[in-house]
Protein backbone atom coordinates (compact mmCIF):
# COMPACT_ATOMS: atom_id res chain seq x y z
CA MET A 1 -18.31 -82.92 -19.04
CA SER A 2 -21.51 -82.78 -16.98
CA LYS A 3 -21.62 -79.02 -16.66
CA PRO A 4 -22.14 -78.27 -20.40
CA MET A 5 -24.91 -80.91 -20.54
CA ILE A 6 -26.71 -79.37 -17.57
CA THR A 7 -26.42 -75.90 -19.07
CA ARG A 8 -27.76 -77.09 -22.41
CA ARG A 9 -30.69 -78.94 -20.81
CA ALA A 10 -31.52 -75.91 -18.71
CA ALA A 11 -31.54 -73.70 -21.79
CA ILE A 12 -33.77 -76.08 -23.72
CA GLY A 13 -36.02 -76.51 -20.68
CA THR A 14 -36.54 -72.76 -20.55
CA LEU A 15 -37.59 -72.74 -24.20
CA ALA A 16 -39.84 -75.77 -23.76
CA ALA A 17 -41.61 -74.08 -20.84
CA ALA A 18 -42.46 -71.25 -23.20
CA GLY A 19 -43.80 -73.74 -25.74
CA LEU A 20 -40.92 -73.17 -28.13
CA ALA A 21 -38.83 -76.33 -28.05
CA THR A 22 -38.10 -77.47 -31.61
CA PRO A 23 -35.16 -79.35 -33.12
CA MET A 24 -33.89 -76.09 -34.61
CA LEU A 25 -34.11 -74.29 -31.26
CA ALA A 26 -32.28 -77.15 -29.59
CA ARG A 27 -29.46 -76.84 -32.09
CA THR A 28 -29.19 -73.06 -31.91
CA ALA A 29 -29.37 -73.00 -28.11
CA SER A 30 -25.74 -74.11 -27.97
CA ALA A 31 -24.54 -72.00 -30.94
CA ALA A 32 -21.63 -69.75 -30.06
CA LEU A 33 -22.66 -66.15 -29.47
CA GLU A 34 -20.46 -63.69 -31.35
CA THR A 35 -21.20 -61.11 -28.65
CA THR A 36 -23.23 -61.14 -25.45
CA ASN A 37 -23.80 -57.38 -25.26
CA LEU A 38 -26.42 -55.78 -27.49
CA GLU A 39 -27.84 -52.29 -27.67
CA VAL A 40 -31.38 -51.97 -29.02
CA ILE A 41 -33.29 -48.81 -29.91
CA GLY A 42 -36.76 -49.32 -28.44
CA VAL A 43 -39.90 -47.18 -28.54
CA ARG A 44 -42.10 -46.67 -25.48
CA ASP A 45 -45.20 -47.72 -27.34
CA PRO A 46 -47.00 -51.09 -27.17
CA GLN A 47 -47.20 -51.08 -30.96
CA LEU A 48 -43.41 -51.25 -31.20
CA GLY A 49 -42.01 -52.02 -27.76
CA ALA A 50 -44.25 -54.66 -26.18
CA GLN A 51 -42.03 -57.71 -26.53
CA LEU A 52 -38.91 -55.74 -25.63
CA ALA A 53 -40.57 -54.47 -22.45
CA ILE A 54 -41.73 -57.95 -21.38
CA ALA A 55 -38.39 -59.55 -22.17
CA SER A 56 -36.63 -56.91 -20.12
CA GLU A 57 -39.02 -57.14 -17.17
CA PHE A 58 -38.83 -60.94 -16.92
CA ASN A 59 -35.09 -61.33 -17.63
CA LEU A 60 -35.70 -63.25 -20.84
CA PHE A 61 -32.59 -61.80 -22.46
CA ARG A 62 -30.44 -63.20 -19.67
CA GLU A 63 -31.94 -66.66 -20.24
CA GLN A 64 -30.53 -66.50 -23.77
CA GLY A 65 -27.08 -65.54 -22.51
CA ILE A 66 -27.20 -61.92 -23.63
CA THR A 67 -27.27 -58.53 -21.97
CA VAL A 68 -29.45 -55.99 -23.77
CA ASN A 69 -29.14 -52.27 -23.21
CA LEU A 70 -32.50 -50.81 -24.23
CA ARG A 71 -32.36 -47.20 -25.36
CA TRP A 72 -35.98 -46.14 -25.09
CA THR A 73 -37.14 -43.41 -27.46
CA GLN A 74 -40.49 -41.75 -28.16
CA SER A 75 -41.18 -42.74 -31.77
CA ALA A 76 -39.94 -44.63 -34.81
CA ALA A 77 -38.71 -41.30 -36.15
CA ASP A 78 -35.93 -41.57 -33.56
CA THR A 79 -35.01 -44.99 -34.93
CA LEU A 80 -34.75 -43.48 -38.41
CA THR A 81 -32.30 -40.87 -37.15
CA ILE A 82 -30.22 -43.12 -34.90
CA MET A 83 -29.93 -46.20 -37.09
CA GLY A 84 -29.83 -44.18 -40.29
CA GLY A 85 -26.88 -42.25 -38.88
CA GLY A 86 -25.04 -45.45 -38.04
CA SER A 87 -25.19 -44.92 -34.27
CA ALA A 88 -26.95 -48.23 -33.56
CA HIS A 89 -27.19 -51.65 -35.20
CA ILE A 90 -30.56 -52.86 -33.87
CA GLY A 91 -33.87 -51.06 -33.47
CA VAL A 92 -37.63 -51.17 -33.82
CA GLY A 93 -39.82 -49.20 -36.18
CA GLY A 94 -42.76 -49.47 -38.51
CA SER A 95 -43.07 -50.66 -42.08
CA PHE A 96 -42.49 -47.08 -43.20
CA THR A 97 -39.18 -47.00 -41.32
CA GLN A 98 -37.88 -49.93 -43.35
CA VAL A 99 -39.22 -48.37 -46.57
CA VAL A 100 -37.17 -45.23 -45.91
CA PHE A 101 -34.03 -47.23 -45.15
CA GLY A 102 -34.57 -49.28 -48.29
CA GLY A 103 -35.33 -46.23 -50.39
CA GLN A 104 -32.06 -44.67 -49.23
CA ARG A 105 -30.26 -47.97 -49.89
CA LEU A 106 -28.99 -48.13 -46.34
CA PRO A 107 -27.71 -51.57 -45.26
CA ILE A 108 -30.47 -52.15 -42.69
CA ARG A 109 -32.95 -55.00 -42.99
CA THR A 110 -35.99 -56.24 -41.11
CA ILE A 111 -35.30 -59.53 -39.31
CA SER A 112 -38.79 -59.98 -37.85
CA ALA A 113 -42.22 -58.47 -37.57
CA LEU A 114 -43.39 -57.59 -34.07
CA ALA A 115 -47.10 -56.92 -34.65
CA ASP A 116 -49.73 -56.16 -37.25
CA ILE A 117 -50.71 -52.65 -36.16
CA ALA A 118 -53.35 -51.81 -38.79
CA GLU A 119 -56.13 -51.83 -36.18
CA THR A 120 -54.33 -49.13 -34.17
CA GLN A 121 -54.42 -46.64 -37.07
CA GLY A 122 -57.70 -44.90 -37.77
CA PHE A 123 -60.14 -42.04 -38.07
CA VAL A 124 -62.44 -40.63 -35.36
CA LEU A 125 -65.25 -38.10 -35.87
CA SER A 126 -65.33 -35.20 -33.45
CA PRO A 127 -67.85 -35.17 -30.59
CA GLY A 128 -71.28 -34.23 -31.91
CA VAL A 129 -70.47 -34.98 -35.55
CA ARG A 130 -72.85 -37.48 -37.15
CA LEU A 131 -72.77 -38.54 -40.79
CA SER A 132 -75.56 -40.36 -42.61
CA HIS A 133 -73.13 -41.22 -45.44
CA PRO A 134 -69.35 -40.88 -45.91
CA ARG A 135 -69.92 -38.41 -48.78
CA GLU A 136 -70.87 -35.91 -46.07
CA LEU A 137 -67.18 -35.68 -45.29
CA GLU A 138 -66.96 -33.28 -48.23
CA GLY A 139 -66.55 -29.78 -46.88
CA LYS A 140 -65.36 -31.02 -43.47
CA ARG A 141 -62.03 -30.18 -41.79
CA ILE A 142 -60.03 -33.17 -40.61
CA ALA A 143 -56.90 -33.03 -38.45
CA PHE A 144 -53.98 -35.25 -39.41
CA THR A 145 -50.24 -35.37 -38.80
CA GLN A 146 -48.22 -34.82 -41.95
CA GLY A 147 -45.83 -37.60 -42.89
CA ASN A 148 -48.01 -40.40 -41.57
CA SER A 149 -49.92 -42.84 -43.76
CA GLN A 150 -53.31 -42.57 -42.00
CA VAL A 151 -54.16 -39.99 -44.68
CA VAL A 152 -54.56 -42.96 -47.04
CA LEU A 153 -57.74 -43.84 -45.14
CA LEU A 154 -59.49 -40.82 -46.65
CA ALA A 155 -58.60 -41.85 -50.20
CA LYS A 156 -59.78 -45.39 -49.49
CA LEU A 157 -63.11 -44.20 -48.11
CA ALA A 158 -63.57 -41.88 -51.08
CA SER A 159 -62.98 -44.74 -53.51
CA MET A 160 -65.34 -47.09 -51.66
CA PHE A 161 -68.19 -44.63 -51.11
CA GLY A 162 -67.94 -42.37 -54.14
CA PHE A 163 -67.04 -38.94 -52.81
CA ASP A 164 -64.36 -36.40 -53.69
CA ALA A 165 -61.49 -36.57 -51.21
CA THR A 166 -60.11 -33.27 -52.51
CA LYS A 167 -63.19 -31.55 -51.04
CA VAL A 168 -62.13 -32.59 -47.53
CA GLN A 169 -59.80 -30.06 -45.93
CA LEU A 170 -56.86 -31.67 -44.17
CA VAL A 171 -55.37 -29.62 -41.33
CA ASN A 172 -51.85 -30.53 -40.30
CA MET A 173 -51.47 -30.80 -36.50
CA ASN A 174 -49.62 -32.98 -34.08
CA GLN A 175 -51.87 -35.57 -32.49
CA SER A 176 -52.38 -33.80 -29.15
CA GLU A 177 -53.32 -30.57 -30.96
CA GLY A 178 -55.70 -32.55 -33.15
CA ILE A 179 -57.48 -34.00 -30.13
CA VAL A 180 -57.96 -30.53 -28.63
CA ALA A 181 -59.14 -29.07 -31.95
CA ALA A 182 -61.60 -31.93 -32.46
CA SER A 183 -62.95 -31.64 -28.92
CA ARG A 184 -63.60 -27.92 -29.48
CA GLY A 185 -65.25 -28.46 -32.86
CA ASP A 186 -62.49 -26.60 -34.75
CA VAL A 187 -62.14 -29.72 -36.91
CA GLN A 188 -64.69 -32.43 -37.54
CA GLY A 189 -62.41 -35.40 -37.12
CA LEU A 190 -58.92 -36.75 -36.44
CA MET A 191 -56.87 -39.24 -38.43
CA GLY A 192 -54.12 -40.78 -36.36
CA TRP A 193 -53.12 -43.67 -34.18
CA GLN A 194 -53.68 -45.06 -30.71
CA PRO A 195 -53.91 -43.96 -27.94
CA ASN A 196 -54.96 -40.66 -29.58
CA LEU A 197 -58.03 -42.23 -31.18
CA TYR A 198 -59.05 -43.69 -27.83
CA ARG A 199 -58.65 -40.34 -26.07
CA LEU A 200 -60.94 -38.59 -28.56
CA VAL A 201 -63.52 -41.38 -28.34
CA ALA A 202 -63.43 -41.02 -24.55
CA MET A 203 -64.36 -37.34 -25.06
CA GLY A 204 -67.44 -38.32 -27.07
CA GLY A 205 -65.94 -38.83 -30.53
CA THR A 206 -67.05 -41.65 -32.83
CA LEU A 207 -64.68 -44.21 -34.28
CA TYR A 208 -65.32 -44.14 -38.04
CA CYS A 209 -62.74 -46.61 -39.28
CA THR A 210 -59.41 -48.23 -38.53
CA GLY A 211 -56.95 -49.72 -40.95
CA ALA A 212 -58.71 -53.07 -40.63
CA THR A 213 -62.33 -52.27 -39.72
CA LEU A 214 -65.12 -50.00 -40.99
CA TYR A 215 -67.57 -48.41 -38.54
CA VAL A 216 -69.36 -46.07 -40.96
CA ASN A 217 -72.70 -47.86 -40.43
CA GLY A 218 -72.41 -47.80 -36.66
CA GLN A 219 -71.14 -51.36 -36.31
CA ALA A 220 -67.83 -53.11 -36.81
CA GLU A 221 -67.30 -54.40 -40.35
CA PRO A 222 -63.90 -56.12 -40.51
CA ARG A 223 -62.13 -55.87 -43.85
CA PRO A 224 -60.76 -58.95 -45.67
CA ALA A 225 -57.12 -59.59 -44.80
CA ASP A 226 -56.07 -58.88 -48.39
CA ASP A 227 -58.13 -55.70 -48.71
CA LEU A 228 -57.48 -53.60 -45.63
CA LEU A 229 -57.90 -49.86 -45.63
CA LEU A 230 -54.32 -49.53 -44.43
CA PHE A 231 -51.51 -52.08 -44.01
CA ASN A 232 -48.84 -51.55 -41.38
CA HIS A 233 -46.55 -53.61 -39.13
CA SER A 234 -44.08 -52.89 -36.39
CA THR A 235 -40.69 -54.44 -37.06
CA LEU A 236 -37.32 -55.40 -35.62
CA MET A 237 -34.42 -54.27 -37.79
CA ALA A 238 -30.69 -54.87 -37.80
CA SER A 239 -27.73 -53.65 -39.79
CA GLN A 240 -26.41 -55.92 -42.53
CA GLU A 241 -23.07 -55.92 -40.72
CA TRP A 242 -24.63 -57.59 -37.68
CA ILE A 243 -26.72 -59.95 -39.79
CA ASP A 244 -23.50 -61.10 -41.48
CA THR A 245 -21.18 -61.18 -38.47
CA ARG A 246 -23.40 -61.68 -35.39
CA PRO A 247 -26.33 -63.85 -36.53
CA ASN A 248 -26.33 -66.02 -33.40
CA ALA A 249 -26.49 -62.99 -31.13
CA LEU A 250 -29.44 -61.65 -33.14
CA ALA A 251 -31.08 -65.07 -32.97
CA ALA A 252 -30.69 -65.04 -29.19
CA LEU A 253 -32.40 -61.64 -29.10
CA LEU A 254 -35.24 -62.89 -31.28
CA LYS A 255 -35.67 -66.03 -29.14
CA ALA A 256 -36.11 -63.85 -26.07
CA LEU A 257 -38.77 -61.84 -27.92
CA VAL A 258 -40.52 -65.04 -28.99
CA ALA A 259 -40.66 -66.06 -25.34
CA ALA A 260 -42.00 -62.60 -24.47
CA ASN A 261 -44.65 -62.97 -27.15
CA THR A 262 -45.74 -66.25 -25.59
CA ILE A 263 -46.27 -64.49 -22.25
CA LEU A 264 -48.21 -61.76 -24.03
CA ALA A 265 -50.48 -64.34 -25.67
CA GLN A 266 -50.91 -66.78 -22.78
CA ASP A 267 -50.66 -64.66 -19.63
CA ARG A 268 -52.11 -61.27 -20.54
CA PRO A 269 -52.55 -59.95 -16.96
CA ARG A 270 -48.87 -60.61 -16.17
CA ALA A 271 -47.85 -59.06 -19.48
CA MET A 272 -50.00 -55.97 -18.94
CA THR A 273 -48.46 -55.34 -15.54
CA ALA A 274 -45.00 -55.41 -17.11
CA LEU A 275 -46.04 -53.20 -20.03
CA GLN A 276 -47.55 -50.55 -17.80
CA ARG A 277 -44.45 -50.51 -15.60
CA VAL A 278 -41.92 -50.33 -18.43
CA LEU A 279 -43.76 -48.37 -21.13
CA ARG A 280 -45.45 -45.93 -18.69
CA VAL A 281 -48.80 -45.88 -20.50
CA ASP A 282 -51.95 -45.44 -18.41
CA GLY A 283 -53.95 -48.63 -17.92
CA PRO A 284 -57.14 -47.98 -19.96
CA ALA A 285 -55.24 -46.64 -22.98
CA LEU A 286 -52.73 -49.46 -22.77
CA GLU A 287 -55.47 -52.07 -22.80
CA VAL A 288 -57.06 -50.55 -25.91
CA MET A 289 -53.72 -50.45 -27.70
CA VAL A 290 -52.60 -53.96 -26.78
CA ASN A 291 -55.95 -55.47 -27.71
CA ALA A 292 -55.86 -53.74 -31.11
CA ASN A 293 -52.46 -55.14 -32.04
CA LYS A 294 -51.95 -58.61 -33.51
CA TYR A 295 -48.63 -59.65 -32.05
CA ALA A 296 -46.70 -62.19 -34.12
CA LEU A 297 -43.03 -62.58 -34.94
CA GLY A 298 -41.38 -63.75 -38.14
CA ILE A 299 -41.28 -62.87 -41.81
CA SER A 300 -44.73 -63.40 -43.33
CA PRO A 301 -46.64 -62.48 -46.51
CA ALA A 302 -48.72 -60.04 -44.39
CA LEU A 303 -45.53 -58.23 -43.41
CA ILE A 304 -44.51 -57.96 -47.05
CA ALA A 305 -48.00 -56.65 -47.94
CA SER A 306 -47.48 -53.84 -45.40
CA HIS A 307 -44.09 -53.08 -46.93
CA ARG A 308 -45.56 -52.78 -50.40
CA PHE A 309 -48.48 -50.65 -49.21
CA GLN A 310 -46.21 -48.27 -47.30
CA SER A 311 -43.74 -48.19 -50.22
CA GLU A 312 -46.44 -47.02 -52.63
CA TRP A 313 -47.56 -44.35 -50.20
CA ALA A 314 -43.97 -43.21 -49.54
CA MET A 315 -43.38 -42.88 -53.28
CA SER A 316 -46.62 -40.91 -53.72
CA ILE A 317 -45.44 -38.26 -51.25
CA GLY A 318 -41.90 -38.17 -52.65
CA ARG A 319 -40.28 -39.82 -49.62
CA VAL A 320 -38.60 -42.48 -51.78
CA PRO A 321 -37.84 -42.32 -55.52
CA ALA A 322 -39.12 -45.85 -56.15
CA PRO A 323 -40.59 -48.69 -54.07
CA PRO A 324 -37.64 -50.58 -52.54
CA PRO A 325 -37.88 -54.30 -53.39
CA ALA A 326 -38.82 -56.52 -50.46
CA GLU A 327 -35.89 -58.79 -51.33
CA ASN A 328 -33.55 -55.91 -50.45
CA CYS A 329 -35.31 -55.01 -47.21
CA PHE A 330 -36.00 -58.33 -45.44
CA THR A 331 -33.95 -61.33 -44.44
CA THR A 332 -35.27 -64.65 -43.20
CA ARG A 333 -31.86 -65.77 -41.95
CA ILE A 334 -32.29 -64.82 -38.29
CA ALA A 335 -35.87 -66.05 -38.02
CA GLU A 336 -34.86 -69.39 -39.54
CA LEU A 337 -32.06 -69.77 -36.99
CA VAL A 338 -34.72 -69.54 -34.29
CA ASP A 339 -37.40 -71.62 -35.99
CA PRO A 340 -37.84 -72.25 -39.74
CA GLY A 341 -41.58 -71.94 -39.20
CA LEU A 342 -41.17 -68.23 -38.43
CA ALA A 343 -40.34 -67.58 -42.11
CA THR A 344 -43.46 -68.07 -44.21
CA TRP A 345 -42.28 -65.67 -46.94
CA HIS A 346 -39.07 -66.14 -48.89
CA PRO A 347 -37.40 -63.98 -51.55
CA ALA A 348 -38.06 -65.00 -55.12
CA ALA A 349 -35.35 -67.27 -56.47
């Protein structure tokens, strides 16, 4: 009889060391795992893959009694294809990824946020371009990547500063092409995401705004949390089949990511070493990206705000016929198995 007690104490001790010991965690630590082998679609990007990379590097999955096969991909578009095609049950993406799944009525739901990534999305003016007022964007050529919501930043700026967004010429390019075009002066700015914004700034470009901060007056002006220029989160998603039949295995996965998030918050140098090794992002760019993200797990009102923002944008471009209700796209079940405090939003009764 002593061996199960020792195992249980060791498991709880591991969680307590990470600052996570709660009555709920103590109860779920001994819950039977429906499976111990999980495959997760990850993205080699600190916006989407940070906690996965840290958990893998420090064997945090093993501490929860599971073996995780991480299939690293290059973008959330890969998650759309793989999970949407039914080839995987667990993966990471952005708010837009969940909107597309919900709009197509696929049985895939978000079980936790990973990070608020609004600060990593933005707009940089090309080297040498100086504006005395945002209305001077009229007549300019701006590079962007079609199918990404950073284009909403232009509409927001136009509304705030009273200029005609239709007089700004948007030039569709991939991000690397946009950086080259901006550096040559072929376009006067780039809308995109990190580390592309950082790379253009390093060439002499000027950060003009991010999803959460204005820089139009030459200094940082953070936006109110309920009135960002752009809302977006990275997310962890699972198929409804696994949510229904393997909730304890998913909870074990989420507990490992919670422990990874604690390392990210409390021991940043150790976390950065792991991220650079696993994600293969160069140090300076990685630091900019990690510092811009607000890493936090769970199901929160901020996560739902991102879903609604991205849903409206997806409908405006014809990607979904109607905004998918949050109640159909999110579940608090797995987060509550880990810690009820992780679920600060609940579906309407």
